[in-house]
Amino acid sequence: MRKKPVLLIMAAGMASRYGGVKQLERVGPSGEILMDYSIHAAVQAGFEDLVIVIKRDMETDFEEIVGQRLRPYINLQYAFQELEDLPPAYSVPADRVKPWGTGHAVLAARDLVDAPLTVINADDYYGKEAFKLMYDFLSENQKADKKASHALCTWKLRNTMSLHGTVSRGVCELDENGFLIAIRELKKIAAANDNAKYTLDDGETWHPLSGESDVSMNFFGFSQGFMRVLAENFTAFLDETIESGSLNSEYLLPEILGQELQRGNCDIQTMKSPERWFGVTYQEDKPFVEASLRDLAEKGVFPTPLWK
């Protein structure tokens, strides 16, 4: 029996560069937050179930600002990402305060989701088309063979840049059929006219990067069995992290997908969005985001207010 895809939004991040809880920043013309636009687009695409991953102490704020408005439109549940949420026989290393990463965030919803899964960030504007592309893919690609079919929406790098600082992007290598070959994580990319540049040594040297590069913006589609894969690989990650003594290692979705791809356990179909991505990576990004959302409302792309 086919199961309808579920939308999962990762909203537990600390937002250290931004300087606040940017997931709840009101940026829309009628006081909407960026997450509102993703959820509205997802509902229009066909999604009926939503899980938002947050810290437990954020639940009251999220319910007041997000939950009460959304429940008439979509089935909403919260999952809680907690540092202590580890498999039996594991404990948090002394002095570890950093969250375990995006893979751990998705794993926090393991008891709530038994269906194909779309995973996105809370503080990104992705447009509308990506949600329809992903919903259709996950609805149609439910097969029982051993090789999983996952998906990844990509954007042109030039459509994702901030003018107010460097950004991290997963630069994708694709084959001729649009299947993912590899993702290279670059931590410091800066705009350079219509293209970009990146550094691997904190700005000592810079390397050119085409604005046409396809990049991942954490918009994933996972087949139904992915939670099991996450759980199995998490124990191996913990063993390596504890043995190395690292207090900062993270269990990250792009790296997990890359490992599964190298092992031949999955195919990853990419779908290219022609739309402009934007987000509030830095406080200085906020005016551009607000102006962009006003423009979308004036053009009728989204109603205002979103939820009537």
Protein backbone atom coordinates (compact mmCIF):
# COMPACT_ATOMS: atom_id res chain seq x y z
CA MET A 1 0.00 0.00 0.00
CA ARG A 2 1.35 3.40 -0.99
CA LYS A 3 1.87 5.85 1.85
CA LYS A 4 1.60 9.60 1.44
CA PRO A 5 4.86 11.51 1.92
CA VAL A 6 5.40 13.36 5.20
CA LEU A 7 7.09 16.77 5.48
CA LEU A 8 9.72 17.12 8.22
CA ILE A 9 11.11 20.56 9.08
CA MET A 10 14.37 20.87 11.02
CA ALA A 11 13.97 23.81 13.41
CA ALA A 12 16.17 22.98 16.40
CA GLY A 13 19.32 24.77 15.20
CA MET A 14 21.04 27.33 17.37
CA ALA A 15 21.27 30.01 14.62
CA SER A 16 24.62 31.21 16.00
CA ARG A 17 25.60 33.35 13.01
CA TYR A 18 22.21 35.04 12.94
CA GLY A 19 22.11 35.90 16.61
CA GLY A 20 18.62 34.75 17.56
CA VAL A 21 15.84 32.24 16.98
CA LYS A 22 15.63 33.05 13.28
CA GLN A 23 13.10 30.25 12.68
CA LEU A 24 10.46 32.47 14.34
CA GLU A 25 11.49 35.79 12.82
CA ARG A 26 8.50 37.54 11.23
CA VAL A 27 9.46 38.53 7.68
CA GLY A 28 6.27 38.23 5.59
CA PRO A 29 4.00 41.19 4.70
CA SER A 30 1.36 39.97 7.16
CA GLY A 31 3.78 38.83 9.86
CA GLU A 32 4.53 35.38 8.41
CA ILE A 33 7.72 33.48 9.23
CA LEU A 34 9.69 31.76 6.45
CA MET A 35 8.42 28.36 7.57
CA ASP A 36 4.88 29.48 6.74
CA TYR A 37 5.76 29.72 3.06
CA SER A 38 7.26 26.23 2.94
CA ILE A 39 4.25 24.72 4.68
CA HIS A 40 1.79 26.60 2.46
CA ALA A 41 3.61 25.40 -0.66
CA ALA A 42 3.71 21.85 0.73
CA VAL A 43 -0.04 21.82 1.42
CA GLN A 44 -0.70 22.98 -2.13
CA ALA A 45 1.59 20.21 -3.42
CA GLY A 46 -0.41 17.54 -1.57
CA PHE A 47 1.30 17.06 1.79
CA GLU A 48 -1.12 16.32 4.66
CA ASP A 49 1.27 15.47 7.52
CA LEU A 50 3.97 17.63 9.08
CA VAL A 51 6.60 16.98 11.76
CA ILE A 52 8.61 19.90 13.12
CA VAL A 53 11.82 18.99 14.96
CA ILE A 54 12.56 21.46 17.75
CA LYS A 55 14.19 21.67 21.15
CA ARG A 56 11.77 20.74 23.90
CA ASP A 57 12.00 24.18 25.52
CA MET A 58 10.84 25.78 22.25
CA GLU A 59 7.49 23.95 22.16
CA THR A 60 5.38 26.68 23.79
CA ASP A 61 6.69 29.38 21.43
CA PHE A 62 6.25 27.20 18.37
CA GLU A 63 2.71 26.24 19.28
CA GLU A 64 1.77 29.87 19.88
CA ILE A 65 3.41 31.26 16.73
CA VAL A 66 3.07 28.32 14.34
CA GLY A 67 0.95 25.46 15.59
CA GLN A 68 -2.32 27.17 16.40
CA ARG A 69 -2.52 28.75 12.94
CA LEU A 70 -1.52 25.64 10.98
CA ARG A 71 -3.58 22.87 12.55
CA PRO A 72 -6.69 23.60 10.40
CA TYR A 73 -4.58 23.01 7.26
CA ILE A 74 -2.16 20.17 8.05
CA ASN A 75 -1.67 17.41 10.65
CA LEU A 76 1.14 18.75 12.85
CA GLN A 77 3.31 16.91 15.37
CA TYR A 78 6.50 17.94 17.17
CA ALA A 79 9.62 15.83 17.60
CA PHE A 80 12.31 16.86 20.06
CA GLN A 81 16.01 16.81 19.28
CA GLU A 82 17.88 16.32 22.54
CA LEU A 83 21.59 15.79 23.10
CA GLU A 84 20.83 12.87 25.42
CA ASP A 85 18.72 11.01 22.82
CA LEU A 86 21.23 8.25 22.10
CA PRO A 87 21.02 4.47 21.59
CA PRO A 88 21.21 2.25 24.69
CA ALA A 89 24.73 1.89 26.13
CA TYR A 90 25.80 5.31 24.82
CA SER A 91 26.06 8.52 26.83
CA VAL A 92 26.91 12.12 26.03
CA PRO A 93 30.68 12.71 26.28
CA ALA A 94 31.79 15.10 28.98
CA ASP A 95 31.85 18.73 27.78
CA ARG A 96 29.82 17.96 24.62
CA VAL A 97 27.34 20.80 24.04
CA LYS A 98 27.12 20.90 20.24
CA PRO A 99 24.01 19.22 18.74
CA TRP A 100 24.58 15.95 16.90
CA GLY A 101 23.60 17.32 13.48
CA THR A 102 20.91 17.04 10.82
CA GLY A 103 20.91 13.23 10.69
CA HIS A 104 20.19 13.14 14.42
CA ALA A 105 17.46 15.77 13.96
CA VAL A 106 15.60 13.54 11.49
CA LEU A 107 16.15 10.51 13.72
CA ALA A 108 14.32 12.35 16.51
CA ALA A 109 11.09 11.70 14.55
CA ARG A 110 11.64 7.96 14.21
CA ASP A 111 8.56 7.08 16.29
CA LEU A 112 6.32 9.48 14.33
CA VAL A 113 7.17 8.67 10.71
CA ASP A 114 6.68 5.45 8.77
CA ALA A 115 6.38 6.83 5.25
CA PRO A 116 8.43 8.52 2.53
CA LEU A 117 9.87 11.71 3.94
CA THR A 118 10.72 15.19 2.68
CA VAL A 119 13.22 17.02 4.89
CA ILE A 120 13.89 20.78 4.79
CA ASN A 121 15.33 23.60 6.91
CA ALA A 122 12.98 25.85 8.86
CA ASP A 123 14.68 29.12 7.96
CA ASP A 124 14.90 28.82 4.16
CA TYR A 125 12.59 30.02 1.39
CA TYR A 126 12.57 27.32 -1.30
CA GLY A 127 9.80 28.52 -3.61
CA LYS A 128 6.81 26.41 -4.65
CA GLU A 129 8.00 24.12 -7.43
CA ALA A 130 10.41 22.06 -5.32
CA PHE A 131 7.58 20.82 -3.07
CA LYS A 132 5.50 19.62 -6.01
CA LEU A 133 8.48 17.92 -7.63
CA MET A 134 9.37 16.12 -4.40
CA TYR A 135 5.82 15.14 -3.49
CA ASP A 136 5.26 13.59 -6.91
CA PHE A 137 8.60 11.77 -6.83
CA LEU A 138 8.03 10.23 -3.39
CA SER A 139 4.44 9.31 -4.24
CA GLU A 140 5.45 7.48 -7.40
CA ASN A 141 8.77 5.89 -6.41
CA GLN A 142 7.76 3.43 -3.70
CA LYS A 143 9.35 0.12 -4.57
CA ALA A 144 10.17 -2.96 -2.55
CA ASP A 145 13.57 -3.89 -3.99
CA LYS A 146 16.79 -3.57 -2.01
CA LYS A 147 18.07 -0.38 -3.64
CA ALA A 148 16.47 2.72 -2.18
CA SER A 149 15.35 5.66 -4.31
CA HIS A 150 16.06 9.00 -2.68
CA ALA A 151 15.89 12.51 -4.13
CA LEU A 152 17.50 15.91 -3.76
CA CYS A 153 16.30 19.30 -4.98
CA THR A 154 19.12 21.55 -6.17
CA TRP A 155 19.47 25.24 -6.97
CA LYS A 156 21.92 27.20 -9.06
CA LEU A 157 24.59 28.59 -6.73
CA ARG A 158 24.05 32.17 -7.90
CA ASN A 159 20.40 31.88 -6.83
CA THR A 160 21.38 31.10 -3.23
CA MET A 161 24.10 33.57 -2.28
CA SER A 162 24.15 36.13 0.53
CA LEU A 163 25.80 39.50 -0.02
CA HIS A 164 26.59 39.85 3.69
CA GLY A 165 29.05 37.06 4.37
CA THR A 166 30.22 33.61 3.37
CA VAL A 167 27.87 30.65 3.12
CA SER A 168 28.19 26.86 3.24
CA ARG A 169 26.90 24.90 0.28
CA GLY A 170 26.94 21.30 -0.88
CA VAL A 171 28.23 21.47 -4.46
CA CYS A 172 26.77 18.58 -6.44
CA GLU A 173 28.31 16.41 -9.14
CA LEU A 174 25.64 14.87 -11.39
CA ASP A 175 25.65 12.32 -14.18
CA GLU A 176 24.04 12.87 -17.58
CA ASN A 177 20.68 11.64 -16.28
CA GLY A 178 20.60 13.95 -13.27
CA PHE A 179 21.54 11.32 -10.69
CA LEU A 180 23.83 12.44 -7.90
CA ILE A 181 27.43 11.22 -8.06
CA ALA A 182 28.83 13.14 -5.09
CA ILE A 183 28.34 16.22 -2.87
CA ARG A 184 31.31 18.35 -1.89
CA GLU A 185 30.71 20.47 1.19
CA LEU A 186 32.36 23.90 0.92
CA LYS A 187 32.17 25.87 4.17
CA LYS A 188 33.17 29.37 3.02
CA ILE A 189 31.76 30.55 -0.31
CA ALA A 190 31.55 34.25 -1.16
CA ALA A 191 29.74 36.04 -3.98
CA ALA A 192 31.91 37.23 -6.89
CA ASN A 193 29.71 39.19 -9.30
CA ASP A 194 27.49 36.61 -11.03
CA ASN A 195 29.70 33.75 -9.87
CA ALA A 196 31.37 32.84 -6.59
CA LYS A 197 34.66 31.95 -4.94
CA TYR A 198 35.60 29.70 -2.05
CA THR A 199 38.44 29.35 0.41
CA LEU A 200 39.80 26.33 2.24
CA ASP A 201 42.30 28.25 4.37
CA ASP A 202 40.26 31.06 6.00
CA GLY A 203 40.76 33.49 3.14
CA GLU A 204 44.47 33.11 2.49
CA THR A 205 43.67 31.88 -1.02
CA TRP A 206 40.45 31.88 -3.04
CA HIS A 207 39.30 29.59 -5.83
CA PRO A 208 36.70 30.42 -8.52
CA LEU A 209 33.33 28.67 -8.52
CA SER A 210 30.74 28.93 -11.28
CA GLY A 211 27.42 30.52 -10.43
CA GLU A 212 25.87 27.74 -12.54
CA SER A 213 27.00 25.06 -10.07
CA ASP A 214 24.17 22.88 -8.76
CA VAL A 215 24.04 23.07 -4.96
CA SER A 216 22.13 21.31 -2.23
CA MET A 217 20.11 23.49 0.15
CA ASN A 218 19.04 20.67 2.49
CA PHE A 219 15.88 19.77 0.55
CA PHE A 220 15.88 15.97 0.69
CA GLY A 221 13.46 13.21 -0.23
CA PHE A 222 13.90 9.83 1.47
CA SER A 223 12.26 6.50 0.80
CA GLN A 224 10.32 4.80 3.57
CA GLY A 225 13.20 2.74 5.01
CA PHE A 226 15.56 5.64 5.57
CA MET A 227 14.91 5.90 9.31
CA ARG A 228 16.33 2.41 9.76
CA VAL A 229 19.45 3.41 7.80
CA LEU A 230 19.84 6.53 9.94
CA ALA A 231 19.62 4.50 13.16
CA GLU A 232 22.13 1.88 12.01
CA ASN A 233 24.69 4.41 10.79
CA PHE A 234 24.32 6.56 13.90
CA THR A 235 25.88 3.93 16.14
CA ALA A 236 28.91 3.72 13.82
CA PHE A 237 29.19 7.52 13.89
CA LEU A 238 29.07 7.53 17.70
CA ASP A 239 31.76 4.84 17.94
CA GLU A 240 34.08 6.86 15.72
CA THR A 241 33.30 10.14 17.49
CA ILE A 242 33.83 8.75 20.98
CA GLU A 243 37.06 6.99 19.96
CA SER A 244 38.47 10.17 18.41
CA GLY A 245 37.44 12.31 21.39
CA SER A 246 35.82 14.90 19.13
CA LEU A 247 33.33 17.27 20.77
CA ASN A 248 32.23 18.86 17.50
CA SER A 249 31.65 16.04 15.02
CA GLU A 250 28.16 16.09 13.50
CA TYR A 251 26.00 13.37 11.95
CA LEU A 252 25.09 15.15 8.71
CA LEU A 253 22.58 14.17 6.05
CA PRO A 254 24.82 14.94 3.03
CA GLU A 255 27.60 12.77 4.45
CA ILE A 256 25.18 9.95 5.28
CA LEU A 257 23.75 10.06 1.76
CA GLY A 258 27.26 10.11 0.30
CA GLN A 259 28.18 6.98 2.23
CA GLU A 260 25.02 5.17 1.14
CA LEU A 261 25.72 6.18 -2.46
CA GLN A 262 29.30 4.87 -2.32
CA ARG A 263 28.09 1.57 -0.89
CA GLY A 264 25.64 1.17 -3.78
CA ASN A 265 22.66 1.09 -1.43
CA CYS A 266 20.68 3.85 -3.16
CA ASP A 267 20.12 6.04 -6.17
CA ILE A 268 19.65 9.77 -5.63
CA GLN A 269 17.65 11.58 -8.31
CA THR A 270 18.15 15.33 -8.44
CA MET A 271 15.50 17.84 -9.42
CA LYS A 272 16.56 21.35 -10.35
CA SER A 273 14.54 24.27 -9.07
CA PRO A 274 14.61 27.39 -11.26
CA GLU A 275 13.42 29.59 -8.38
CA ARG A 276 15.38 31.92 -6.13
CA TRP A 277 16.30 30.53 -2.73
CA PHE A 278 16.75 32.97 0.12
CA GLY A 279 17.15 32.88 3.86
CA VAL A 280 18.22 34.94 6.86
CA THR A 281 21.73 33.63 7.34
CA TYR A 282 22.77 37.03 8.68
CA GLN A 283 20.73 39.85 10.24
CA GLU A 284 21.64 41.99 7.21
CA ASP A 285 19.76 39.53 4.95
CA LYS A 286 16.42 40.39 6.55
CA PRO A 287 15.53 43.49 4.46
CA PHE A 288 16.12 41.56 1.21
CA VAL A 289 13.96 38.69 2.45
CA GLU A 290 11.16 41.04 3.48
CA ALA A 291 11.26 42.86 0.12
CA SER A 292 11.28 39.56 -1.80
CA LEU A 293 8.24 38.27 0.06
CA ARG A 294 6.36 41.53 -0.51
CA ASP A 295 7.13 41.24 -4.20
CA LEU A 296 5.84 37.64 -4.31
CA ALA A 297 2.63 38.74 -2.60
CA GLU A 298 2.16 41.64 -5.02
CA LYS A 299 2.62 39.28 -7.98
CA GLY A 300 0.06 36.85 -6.55
CA VAL A 301 2.51 33.98 -6.10
CA PHE A 302 1.37 33.72 -2.46
CA PRO A 303 -1.73 35.22 -0.85
CA THR A 304 -1.38 37.68 1.99
CA PRO A 305 -2.11 36.80 4.67
CA LEU A 306 -1.09 33.22 3.87
CA TRP A 307 -3.55 31.56 6.26
CA LYS A 308 -7.02 33.08 6.06
